[in-house]
N, C-alpha and C. Protein backbone atom coordinates (compact mmCIF):
# COMPACT_ATOMS: atom_id res chain seq x y z
N MET A 1 84.66 -103.32 150.48
CA MET A 1 84.46 -102.24 149.52
C MET A 1 84.85 -102.73 148.12
N PHE A 2 83.99 -102.44 147.16
CA PHE A 2 84.22 -102.87 145.78
C PHE A 2 85.02 -101.81 145.02
N LEU A 3 86.04 -102.24 144.33
CA LEU A 3 86.85 -101.31 143.56
C LEU A 3 86.57 -101.39 142.07
N VAL A 4 85.77 -102.37 141.65
CA VAL A 4 85.44 -102.53 140.23
C VAL A 4 83.92 -102.62 140.08
N ALA A 5 83.49 -102.48 138.84
CA ALA A 5 82.09 -102.66 138.48
C ALA A 5 82.02 -103.81 137.48
N VAL A 6 80.86 -104.44 137.38
CA VAL A 6 80.68 -105.57 136.47
C VAL A 6 79.69 -105.18 135.38
N ILE A 7 80.07 -105.47 134.15
CA ILE A 7 79.22 -105.25 132.97
C ILE A 7 78.90 -106.60 132.37
N GLU A 8 77.62 -106.83 132.09
CA GLU A 8 77.21 -108.05 131.38
C GLU A 8 76.63 -107.62 130.04
N VAL A 9 77.15 -108.18 128.96
CA VAL A 9 76.64 -107.90 127.62
C VAL A 9 75.93 -109.15 127.14
N TYR A 10 74.64 -108.99 126.81
CA TYR A 10 73.78 -110.10 126.39
C TYR A 10 73.40 -109.88 124.93
N ARG A 11 73.37 -110.98 124.19
CA ARG A 11 72.94 -110.95 122.79
C ARG A 11 71.82 -111.96 122.63
N PRO A 12 70.59 -111.51 122.37
CA PRO A 12 69.48 -112.45 122.18
C PRO A 12 69.72 -113.39 121.01
N SER A 13 69.18 -114.58 121.11
CA SER A 13 69.29 -115.57 120.03
C SER A 13 68.31 -115.20 118.92
N ARG A 14 68.85 -114.98 117.73
CA ARG A 14 68.03 -114.62 116.57
C ARG A 14 68.59 -115.29 115.34
N LEU A 15 67.74 -115.49 114.36
CA LEU A 15 68.17 -116.07 113.10
C LEU A 15 69.07 -115.11 112.33
N VAL A 16 68.73 -113.82 112.40
CA VAL A 16 69.53 -112.81 111.71
C VAL A 16 70.89 -112.72 112.39
N GLY A 17 71.93 -112.91 111.63
CA GLY A 17 73.29 -112.82 112.15
C GLY A 17 73.70 -113.97 113.05
N ALA A 18 73.00 -115.08 112.96
CA ALA A 18 73.26 -116.21 113.86
C ALA A 18 74.70 -116.71 113.78
N PHE A 19 75.33 -116.58 112.63
CA PHE A 19 76.68 -117.11 112.46
C PHE A 19 77.76 -116.05 112.69
N CYS A 20 77.34 -114.83 113.02
CA CYS A 20 78.30 -113.76 113.30
C CYS A 20 78.60 -113.73 114.80
N GLU A 21 79.84 -113.46 115.11
CA GLU A 21 80.19 -113.16 116.50
C GLU A 21 80.28 -111.64 116.61
N MET A 22 79.85 -111.11 117.73
CA MET A 22 79.96 -109.67 117.96
C MET A 22 81.16 -109.42 118.86
N ILE A 23 82.05 -108.58 118.39
CA ILE A 23 83.25 -108.22 119.14
C ILE A 23 82.91 -107.02 120.02
N ILE A 24 83.20 -107.13 121.30
CA ILE A 24 82.87 -106.10 122.27
C ILE A 24 84.10 -105.22 122.50
N PHE A 25 83.91 -103.91 122.40
CA PHE A 25 84.98 -102.94 122.63
C PHE A 25 84.58 -102.04 123.80
N PHE A 26 85.44 -101.94 124.80
CA PHE A 26 85.27 -100.95 125.86
C PHE A 26 86.44 -99.99 125.75
N ASP A 27 86.11 -98.71 125.64
CA ASP A 27 87.13 -97.67 125.53
C ASP A 27 88.11 -97.97 124.39
N ASP A 28 87.57 -98.37 123.24
CA ASP A 28 88.32 -98.67 122.02
C ASP A 28 89.28 -99.85 122.13
N LYS A 29 89.06 -100.71 123.11
CA LYS A 29 89.90 -101.90 123.25
C LYS A 29 89.00 -103.13 123.17
N ALA A 30 89.31 -104.04 122.22
CA ALA A 30 88.54 -105.28 122.09
C ALA A 30 88.80 -106.15 123.32
N ILE A 31 87.73 -106.53 124.03
CA ILE A 31 87.93 -107.32 125.24
C ILE A 31 87.14 -108.63 125.23
N GLY A 32 86.50 -108.97 124.12
CA GLY A 32 85.82 -110.25 124.05
C GLY A 32 84.82 -110.31 122.93
N GLU A 33 84.21 -111.48 122.79
CA GLU A 33 83.19 -111.72 121.76
C GLU A 33 81.99 -112.38 122.40
N VAL A 34 80.83 -112.13 121.82
CA VAL A 34 79.62 -112.78 122.28
C VAL A 34 78.92 -113.42 121.08
N LYS A 35 78.57 -114.69 121.24
CA LYS A 35 77.92 -115.44 120.17
C LYS A 35 76.40 -115.28 120.27
N ASN A 36 75.71 -115.76 119.27
CA ASN A 36 74.26 -115.71 119.21
C ASN A 36 73.67 -116.38 120.47
N GLY A 37 72.86 -115.64 121.20
CA GLY A 37 72.23 -116.16 122.42
C GLY A 37 73.14 -116.18 123.62
N GLY A 38 74.32 -115.58 123.53
CA GLY A 38 75.30 -115.65 124.61
C GLY A 38 75.37 -114.42 125.48
N LYS A 39 76.10 -114.57 126.59
CA LYS A 39 76.37 -113.48 127.52
C LYS A 39 77.85 -113.50 127.83
N ILE A 40 78.37 -112.34 128.16
CA ILE A 40 79.75 -112.25 128.58
C ILE A 40 79.84 -111.15 129.64
N ARG A 41 80.66 -111.38 130.65
CA ARG A 41 80.82 -110.41 131.75
C ARG A 41 82.25 -109.91 131.80
N PHE A 42 82.37 -108.64 132.19
CA PHE A 42 83.67 -108.00 132.32
C PHE A 42 83.69 -107.17 133.58
N GLN A 43 84.86 -107.04 134.17
CA GLN A 43 85.07 -106.14 135.29
C GLN A 43 85.80 -104.92 134.77
N LEU A 44 85.29 -103.75 135.13
CA LEU A 44 85.90 -102.50 134.71
C LEU A 44 86.04 -101.57 135.90
N PRO A 45 87.01 -100.67 135.86
CA PRO A 45 87.13 -99.71 136.95
C PRO A 45 86.00 -98.68 136.87
N PRO A 46 85.66 -98.07 137.99
CA PRO A 46 84.64 -97.01 137.97
C PRO A 46 85.08 -95.85 137.07
N GLY A 47 84.11 -95.12 136.58
CA GLY A 47 84.39 -93.97 135.73
C GLY A 47 83.49 -93.95 134.51
N ILE A 48 83.79 -93.09 133.59
CA ILE A 48 83.03 -92.98 132.34
C ILE A 48 83.68 -93.88 131.31
N HIS A 49 82.86 -94.71 130.69
CA HIS A 49 83.34 -95.67 129.71
C HIS A 49 82.50 -95.59 128.44
N GLU A 50 83.03 -96.20 127.37
CA GLU A 50 82.33 -96.24 126.08
C GLU A 50 82.32 -97.67 125.57
N LEU A 51 81.15 -98.14 125.20
CA LEU A 51 80.95 -99.47 124.65
C LEU A 51 80.65 -99.37 123.17
N LYS A 52 81.31 -100.21 122.37
CA LYS A 52 81.01 -100.34 120.94
C LYS A 52 80.99 -101.82 120.60
N VAL A 53 80.25 -102.17 119.57
CA VAL A 53 80.14 -103.55 119.12
C VAL A 53 80.35 -103.58 117.61
N LYS A 54 81.10 -104.60 117.14
CA LYS A 54 81.30 -104.82 115.70
C LYS A 54 81.08 -106.30 115.42
N THR A 55 80.62 -106.62 114.22
CA THR A 55 80.54 -108.02 113.84
C THR A 55 81.90 -108.47 113.32
N ASN A 56 82.12 -109.77 113.36
CA ASN A 56 83.44 -110.28 112.98
C ASN A 56 83.65 -110.35 111.47
N TRP A 57 82.60 -110.27 110.65
CA TRP A 57 82.86 -110.36 109.21
C TRP A 57 81.90 -109.59 108.32
N MET A 58 80.85 -108.99 108.85
CA MET A 58 79.88 -108.29 107.99
C MET A 58 80.10 -106.78 107.91
N HIS A 59 81.11 -106.25 108.57
CA HIS A 59 81.41 -104.81 108.59
C HIS A 59 80.26 -103.98 109.16
N LEU A 60 79.53 -104.57 110.07
CA LEU A 60 78.48 -103.84 110.78
C LEU A 60 79.01 -103.45 112.14
N LYS A 61 78.57 -102.30 112.63
CA LYS A 61 79.02 -101.83 113.93
C LYS A 61 77.94 -100.99 114.59
N SER A 62 78.19 -100.60 115.82
CA SER A 62 77.24 -99.77 116.55
C SER A 62 77.80 -98.37 116.71
N ASN A 63 76.94 -97.46 117.08
CA ASN A 63 77.41 -96.16 117.54
C ASN A 63 77.97 -96.34 118.94
N PRO A 64 78.87 -95.49 119.38
CA PRO A 64 79.38 -95.60 120.75
C PRO A 64 78.27 -95.37 121.77
N PHE A 65 78.31 -96.12 122.85
CA PHE A 65 77.35 -95.99 123.95
C PHE A 65 78.14 -95.63 125.20
N SER A 66 78.02 -94.39 125.66
CA SER A 66 78.76 -93.92 126.83
C SER A 66 77.93 -94.10 128.09
N PHE A 67 78.61 -94.42 129.20
CA PHE A 67 77.92 -94.61 130.47
C PHE A 67 78.88 -94.41 131.63
N GLN A 68 78.32 -94.13 132.79
CA GLN A 68 79.07 -93.92 134.02
C GLN A 68 78.99 -95.17 134.88
N LEU A 69 80.13 -95.64 135.38
CA LEU A 69 80.18 -96.79 136.28
C LEU A 69 80.59 -96.33 137.68
N HIS A 70 79.92 -96.91 138.68
CA HIS A 70 80.23 -96.64 140.07
C HIS A 70 80.80 -97.90 140.71
N PRO A 71 81.62 -97.78 141.73
CA PRO A 71 82.20 -98.96 142.38
C PRO A 71 81.13 -99.94 142.85
N GLY A 72 81.32 -101.23 142.52
CA GLY A 72 80.39 -102.28 142.93
C GLY A 72 79.11 -102.39 142.11
N GLU A 73 78.96 -101.55 141.11
CA GLU A 73 77.75 -101.54 140.29
C GLU A 73 77.73 -102.74 139.33
N PHE A 74 76.52 -103.23 139.03
CA PHE A 74 76.33 -104.30 138.05
C PHE A 74 75.38 -103.78 136.98
N ILE A 75 75.86 -103.69 135.75
CA ILE A 75 75.06 -103.15 134.64
C ILE A 75 74.87 -104.23 133.59
N LYS A 76 73.65 -104.31 133.08
CA LYS A 76 73.33 -105.23 131.99
C LYS A 76 73.12 -104.43 130.71
N MET A 77 73.78 -104.87 129.64
CA MET A 77 73.62 -104.27 128.32
C MET A 77 73.16 -105.35 127.35
N ARG A 78 72.43 -104.94 126.34
CA ARG A 78 71.97 -105.87 125.31
C ARG A 78 72.36 -105.31 123.95
N THR A 79 72.83 -106.19 123.08
CA THR A 79 73.17 -105.80 121.72
C THR A 79 72.46 -106.73 120.74
N SER A 80 72.04 -106.18 119.61
CA SER A 80 71.32 -107.02 118.64
C SER A 80 71.29 -106.33 117.27
N PHE A 81 70.85 -107.09 116.30
CA PHE A 81 70.61 -106.57 114.96
C PHE A 81 69.25 -105.87 114.97
N PRO A 82 69.13 -104.69 114.36
CA PRO A 82 67.87 -103.94 114.40
C PRO A 82 66.89 -104.31 113.29
N PHE A 83 67.13 -105.39 112.60
CA PHE A 83 66.24 -105.79 111.51
C PHE A 83 65.98 -107.28 111.60
N GLY A 84 64.90 -107.70 110.97
CA GLY A 84 64.52 -109.10 111.00
C GLY A 84 64.86 -109.83 109.72
N ILE A 85 64.40 -111.06 109.64
CA ILE A 85 64.72 -111.93 108.52
C ILE A 85 64.17 -111.41 107.19
N LEU A 86 63.01 -110.72 107.20
CA LEU A 86 62.46 -110.19 105.95
C LEU A 86 63.38 -109.12 105.35
N ALA A 87 64.00 -108.32 106.19
CA ALA A 87 64.94 -107.31 105.70
C ALA A 87 66.15 -107.97 105.05
N VAL A 88 66.54 -109.11 105.58
CA VAL A 88 67.66 -109.85 105.00
C VAL A 88 67.26 -110.44 103.65
N VAL A 89 66.09 -111.06 103.61
CA VAL A 89 65.61 -111.71 102.39
C VAL A 89 65.45 -110.69 101.25
N PHE A 90 64.87 -109.53 101.57
CA PHE A 90 64.60 -108.54 100.53
C PHE A 90 65.72 -107.51 100.37
N GLY A 91 66.77 -107.59 101.17
CA GLY A 91 67.92 -106.72 101.02
C GLY A 91 67.74 -105.31 101.53
N THR A 92 66.64 -105.01 102.26
CA THR A 92 66.41 -103.64 102.72
C THR A 92 67.39 -103.22 103.81
N TRP A 93 68.01 -104.18 104.50
CA TRP A 93 69.00 -103.83 105.53
C TRP A 93 70.20 -103.13 104.91
N MET A 94 70.48 -103.43 103.62
CA MET A 94 71.61 -102.80 102.94
C MET A 94 71.42 -101.29 102.82
N PHE A 95 70.18 -100.85 102.59
CA PHE A 95 69.93 -99.41 102.50
C PHE A 95 70.20 -98.74 103.83
N LYS A 96 69.75 -99.36 104.91
CA LYS A 96 70.01 -98.82 106.24
C LYS A 96 71.51 -98.80 106.52
N TRP A 97 72.21 -99.84 106.11
CA TRP A 97 73.65 -99.93 106.30
C TRP A 97 74.36 -98.79 105.56
N MET A 98 73.95 -98.52 104.33
CA MET A 98 74.58 -97.47 103.54
C MET A 98 74.28 -96.08 104.12
N ILE A 99 73.05 -95.85 104.51
CA ILE A 99 72.65 -94.55 105.05
C ILE A 99 73.38 -94.24 106.36
N HIS A 100 73.56 -95.24 107.19
CA HIS A 100 74.16 -95.04 108.52
C HIS A 100 75.64 -95.44 108.57
N ALA A 101 76.28 -95.59 107.44
CA ALA A 101 77.71 -95.92 107.35
C ALA A 101 78.06 -97.18 108.13
N GLY A 102 77.18 -98.16 108.09
CA GLY A 102 77.45 -99.43 108.75
C GLY A 102 77.14 -99.45 110.23
N ARG A 103 76.78 -98.31 110.81
CA ARG A 103 76.50 -98.23 112.25
C ARG A 103 75.03 -98.55 112.52
N ILE A 104 74.71 -99.82 112.46
CA ILE A 104 73.30 -100.18 112.62
C ILE A 104 73.04 -101.15 113.76
N LEU A 105 74.05 -101.66 114.44
CA LEU A 105 73.82 -102.57 115.56
C LEU A 105 73.30 -101.78 116.76
N ASN A 106 72.39 -102.37 117.50
CA ASN A 106 71.81 -101.72 118.67
C ASN A 106 72.59 -102.05 119.93
N ILE A 107 72.67 -101.09 120.83
CA ILE A 107 73.17 -101.30 122.19
C ILE A 107 72.19 -100.59 123.11
N GLU A 108 71.75 -101.28 124.15
CA GLU A 108 70.86 -100.64 125.12
C GLU A 108 71.13 -101.19 126.52
N LYS A 109 70.83 -100.36 127.49
CA LYS A 109 70.95 -100.78 128.89
C LYS A 109 69.58 -101.29 129.29
N TYR A 110 69.54 -102.44 129.99
CA TYR A 110 68.24 -102.96 130.41
C TYR A 110 68.27 -103.46 131.83
């Protein structure tokens, strides 16, 4: 019988934010970092949890992502920047950052 669940957080390799590490928070506790193109796995107890992601130096973050975990479950999550290189070149990502108070990183279950 499994008493824990496993969460895998994947970050696709992209040019945007390639030098940033994303700090992973579960239930408001930093439990690791994921680099560009990397994956990281964590074991968590069953129950309702909240995932958040922040960059290590750009002051970008995600909205909280709440989910239910069951014993023995394996969940895959993906986090990424929601804009491409053209937004970086032309500075349009800054407008999105200002409008959303820095909460522009994506988190999704896949």
